[in-house]
Amino acid sequence: MANQERRWQTRYKIDKPVTIRDGADQHTGRLSDISSGGAAVSAIDDDTVFDEDQALELELDDVGRLPGNVVRTLDDGFAMAFDLDEEGEEQLITEITGIRSGMEFE
């Protein structure tokens, strides 16, 4: 799906811990929001800075691992676009809409 189309996907505000995998390294952070096309992650557990276009994998309880690339850096984290096919995006939406605590529609 084109990056322009991803911006129109419903984003869900959600404050959950997330594991960030950068190859063999892993870090913990907080998921700020998520859609079927990507996510924003903040409050990284250390001073690690991720670069644009860097390949990462997010691991979220109740959802699993989500591969993608950093699309922009934020003051306290980063935004990433997921590398999922249409079926994977549909499955992700089904899973995240099933997580009830702390979720609000943006």
C-alpha atoms as a PDB file:
ATOM      1  CA  MET A   1       0.000   0.000   0.000  1.00  0.00           C
ATOM      2  CA  ALA A   2       1.378   3.427  -0.893  1.00  0.00           C
ATOM      3  CA  ASN A   3       2.586   5.651   1.942  1.00  0.00           C
ATOM      4  CA  GLN A   4       0.034   8.310   0.965  1.00  0.00           C
ATOM      5  CA  GLU A   5      -2.796   5.832   1.512  1.00  0.00           C
ATOM      6  CA  ARG A   6      -1.419   4.786   4.916  1.00  0.00           C
ATOM      7  CA  ARG A   7      -2.059   8.292   6.272  1.00  0.00           C
ATOM      8  CA  TRP A   8      -5.806   7.734   5.819  1.00  0.00           C
ATOM      9  CA  GLN A   9      -5.942   4.579   7.888  1.00  0.00           C
ATOM     10  CA  THR A  10      -7.636   4.721  11.271  1.00  0.00           C
ATOM     11  CA  ARG A  11      -5.080   5.320  14.008  1.00  0.00           C
ATOM     12  CA  TYR A  12      -5.705   3.955  17.479  1.00  0.00           C
ATOM     13  CA  LYS A  13      -4.260   5.708  20.529  1.00  0.00           C
ATOM     14  CA  ILE A  14      -2.819   2.971  22.682  1.00  0.00           C
ATOM     15  CA  ASP A  15      -0.318   3.107  25.530  1.00  0.00           C
ATOM     16  CA  LYS A  16       1.309  -0.316  25.737  1.00  0.00           C
ATOM     17  CA  PRO A  17       4.850  -1.572  26.237  1.00  0.00           C
ATOM     18  CA  VAL A  18       6.606  -2.700  23.079  1.00  0.00           C
ATOM     19  CA  THR A  19       9.873  -4.475  22.344  1.00  0.00           C
ATOM     20  CA  ILE A  20      11.909  -2.960  19.513  1.00  0.00           C
ATOM     21  CA  ARG A  21      14.215  -5.366  17.713  1.00  0.00           C
ATOM     22  CA  ASP A  22      17.139  -3.992  15.747  1.00  0.00           C
ATOM     23  CA  GLY A  23      18.838  -7.115  14.446  1.00  0.00           C
ATOM     24  CA  ALA A  24      20.203  -8.923  17.505  1.00  0.00           C
ATOM     25  CA  ASP A  25      19.673  -5.881  19.769  1.00  0.00           C
ATOM     26  CA  GLN A  26      16.431  -5.207  21.565  1.00  0.00           C
ATOM     27  CA  HIS A  27      15.044  -2.195  23.383  1.00  0.00           C
ATOM     28  CA  THR A  28      11.820  -1.449  25.215  1.00  0.00           C
ATOM     29  CA  GLY A  29       9.538   1.496  24.562  1.00  0.00           C
ATOM     30  CA  ARG A  30       5.897   2.583  24.668  1.00  0.00           C
ATOM     31  CA  LEU A  31       3.526   2.315  21.768  1.00  0.00           C
ATOM     32  CA  SER A  32       1.768   5.686  21.309  1.00  0.00           C
ATOM     33  CA  ASP A  33      -0.539   4.861  18.422  1.00  0.00           C
ATOM     34  CA  ILE A  34      -0.986   2.188  15.795  1.00  0.00           C
ATOM     35  CA  SER A  35      -2.787   1.616  12.503  1.00  0.00           C
ATOM     36  CA  SER A  36      -2.664  -1.203   9.994  1.00  0.00           C
ATOM     37  CA  GLY A  37       0.079   0.711   8.194  1.00  0.00           C
ATOM     38  CA  GLY A  38       2.398   1.736  11.011  1.00  0.00           C
ATOM     39  CA  ALA A  39       2.973   2.927  14.549  1.00  0.00           C
ATOM     40  CA  ALA A  40       4.514   5.639  16.701  1.00  0.00           C
ATOM     41  CA  VAL A  41       6.811   4.549  19.521  1.00  0.00           C
ATOM     42  CA  SER A  42       8.031   6.777  22.340  1.00  0.00           C
ATOM     43  CA  ALA A  43       9.943   6.630  25.613  1.00  0.00           C
ATOM     44  CA  ILE A  44      12.739   4.349  24.440  1.00  0.00           C
ATOM     45  CA  ASP A  45      14.413   2.690  27.455  1.00  0.00           C
ATOM     46  CA  ASP A  46      17.838   4.074  26.611  1.00  0.00           C
ATOM     47  CA  ASP A  47      19.432   6.791  24.502  1.00  0.00           C
ATOM     48  CA  THR A  48      19.170   4.763  21.301  1.00  0.00           C
ATOM     49  CA  VAL A  49      18.300   6.798  18.232  1.00  0.00           C
ATOM     50  CA  PHE A  50      16.930   5.069  15.166  1.00  0.00           C
ATOM     51  CA  ASP A  51      17.595   6.405  11.669  1.00  0.00           C
ATOM     52  CA  GLU A  52      15.073   6.980   8.888  1.00  0.00           C
ATOM     53  CA  ASP A  53      14.746   3.924   6.628  1.00  0.00           C
ATOM     54  CA  GLN A  54      16.228   1.707   9.349  1.00  0.00           C
ATOM     55  CA  ALA A  55      14.634  -1.761   9.396  1.00  0.00           C
ATOM     56  CA  LEU A  56      13.108  -2.650  12.772  1.00  0.00           C
ATOM     57  CA  GLU A  57      10.669  -5.142  14.184  1.00  0.00           C
ATOM     58  CA  LEU A  58       8.136  -4.305  16.894  1.00  0.00           C
ATOM     59  CA  GLU A  59       6.922  -7.011  19.240  1.00  0.00           C
ATOM     60  CA  LEU A  60       3.626  -6.275  20.946  1.00  0.00           C
ATOM     61  CA  ASP A  61       1.906  -8.582  23.419  1.00  0.00           C
ATOM     62  CA  ASP A  62      -1.345 -10.005  22.008  1.00  0.00           C
ATOM     63  CA  VAL A  63      -0.267  -9.088  18.462  1.00  0.00           C
ATOM     64  CA  GLY A  64       3.198 -10.523  17.783  1.00  0.00           C
ATOM     65  CA  ARG A  65       6.077  -9.229  15.682  1.00  0.00           C
ATOM     66  CA  LEU A  66       5.574  -6.462  13.129  1.00  0.00           C
ATOM     67  CA  PRO A  67       8.388  -5.769  10.634  1.00  0.00           C
ATOM     68  CA  GLY A  68       8.876  -2.361   9.053  1.00  0.00           C
ATOM     69  CA  ASN A  69      11.074   0.695   8.545  1.00  0.00           C
ATOM     70  CA  VAL A  70      11.481   3.981  10.391  1.00  0.00           C
ATOM     71  CA  VAL A  71       9.785   6.733   8.374  1.00  0.00           C
ATOM     72  CA  ARG A  72      10.577   9.657  10.677  1.00  0.00           C
ATOM     73  CA  THR A  73      12.149  10.425  13.999  1.00  0.00           C
ATOM     74  CA  LEU A  74      10.200  12.089  16.804  1.00  0.00           C
ATOM     75  CA  ASP A  75      11.384  14.090  19.824  1.00  0.00           C
ATOM     76  CA  ASP A  76      10.976  11.053  22.058  1.00  0.00           C
ATOM     77  CA  GLY A  77      10.987   8.141  19.609  1.00  0.00           C
ATOM     78  CA  PHE A  78      10.094   7.307  16.030  1.00  0.00           C
ATOM     79  CA  ALA A  79       7.300   6.490  13.583  1.00  0.00           C
ATOM     80  CA  MET A  80       7.500   3.418  11.431  1.00  0.00           C
ATOM     81  CA  ALA A  81       5.651   1.943   8.466  1.00  0.00           C
ATOM     82  CA  PHE A  82       4.901  -1.756   8.633  1.00  0.00           C
ATOM     83  CA  ASP A  83       5.935  -4.117   5.869  1.00  0.00           C
ATOM     84  CA  LEU A  84       2.705  -6.137   5.738  1.00  0.00           C
ATOM     85  CA  ASP A  85       0.650  -7.427   2.850  1.00  0.00           C
ATOM     86  CA  GLU A  86      -3.088  -6.703   2.700  1.00  0.00           C
ATOM     87  CA  GLU A  87      -3.956  -9.894   4.586  1.00  0.00           C
ATOM     88  CA  GLY A  88      -1.434  -9.030   7.308  1.00  0.00           C
ATOM     89  CA  GLU A  89      -2.899  -5.530   7.644  1.00  0.00           C
ATOM     90  CA  GLU A  90      -6.426  -6.929   8.002  1.00  0.00           C
ATOM     91  CA  GLN A  91      -5.257  -9.412  10.645  1.00  0.00           C
ATOM     92  CA  LEU A  92      -3.468  -6.638  12.546  1.00  0.00           C
ATOM     93  CA  ILE A  93      -6.593  -4.456  12.631  1.00  0.00           C
ATOM     94  CA  THR A  94      -8.629  -7.408  13.902  1.00  0.00           C
ATOM     95  CA  GLU A  95      -6.093  -7.976  16.677  1.00  0.00           C
ATOM     96  CA  ILE A  96      -5.650  -4.357  17.769  1.00  0.00           C
ATOM     97  CA  THR A  97      -9.371  -3.645  17.817  1.00  0.00           C
ATOM     98  CA  GLY A  98      -9.680  -6.601  20.178  1.00  0.00           C
ATOM     99  CA  ILE A  99      -7.378  -4.911  22.696  1.00  0.00           C
ATOM    100  CA  ARG A 100      -9.794  -2.839  24.783  1.00  0.00           C
ATOM    101  CA  SER A 101      -7.860  -1.186  27.611  1.00  0.00           C
ATOM    102  CA  GLY A 102      -6.470   2.274  26.901  1.00  0.00           C
ATOM    103  CA  MET A 103      -7.722   2.492  23.314  1.00  0.00           C
ATOM    104  CA  GLU A 104      -9.403   5.524  21.844  1.00  0.00           C
ATOM    105  CA  PHE A 105     -10.168   6.400  18.247  1.00  0.00           C
ATOM    106  CA  GLU A 106      -8.271   9.395  16.965  1.00  0.00           C
END
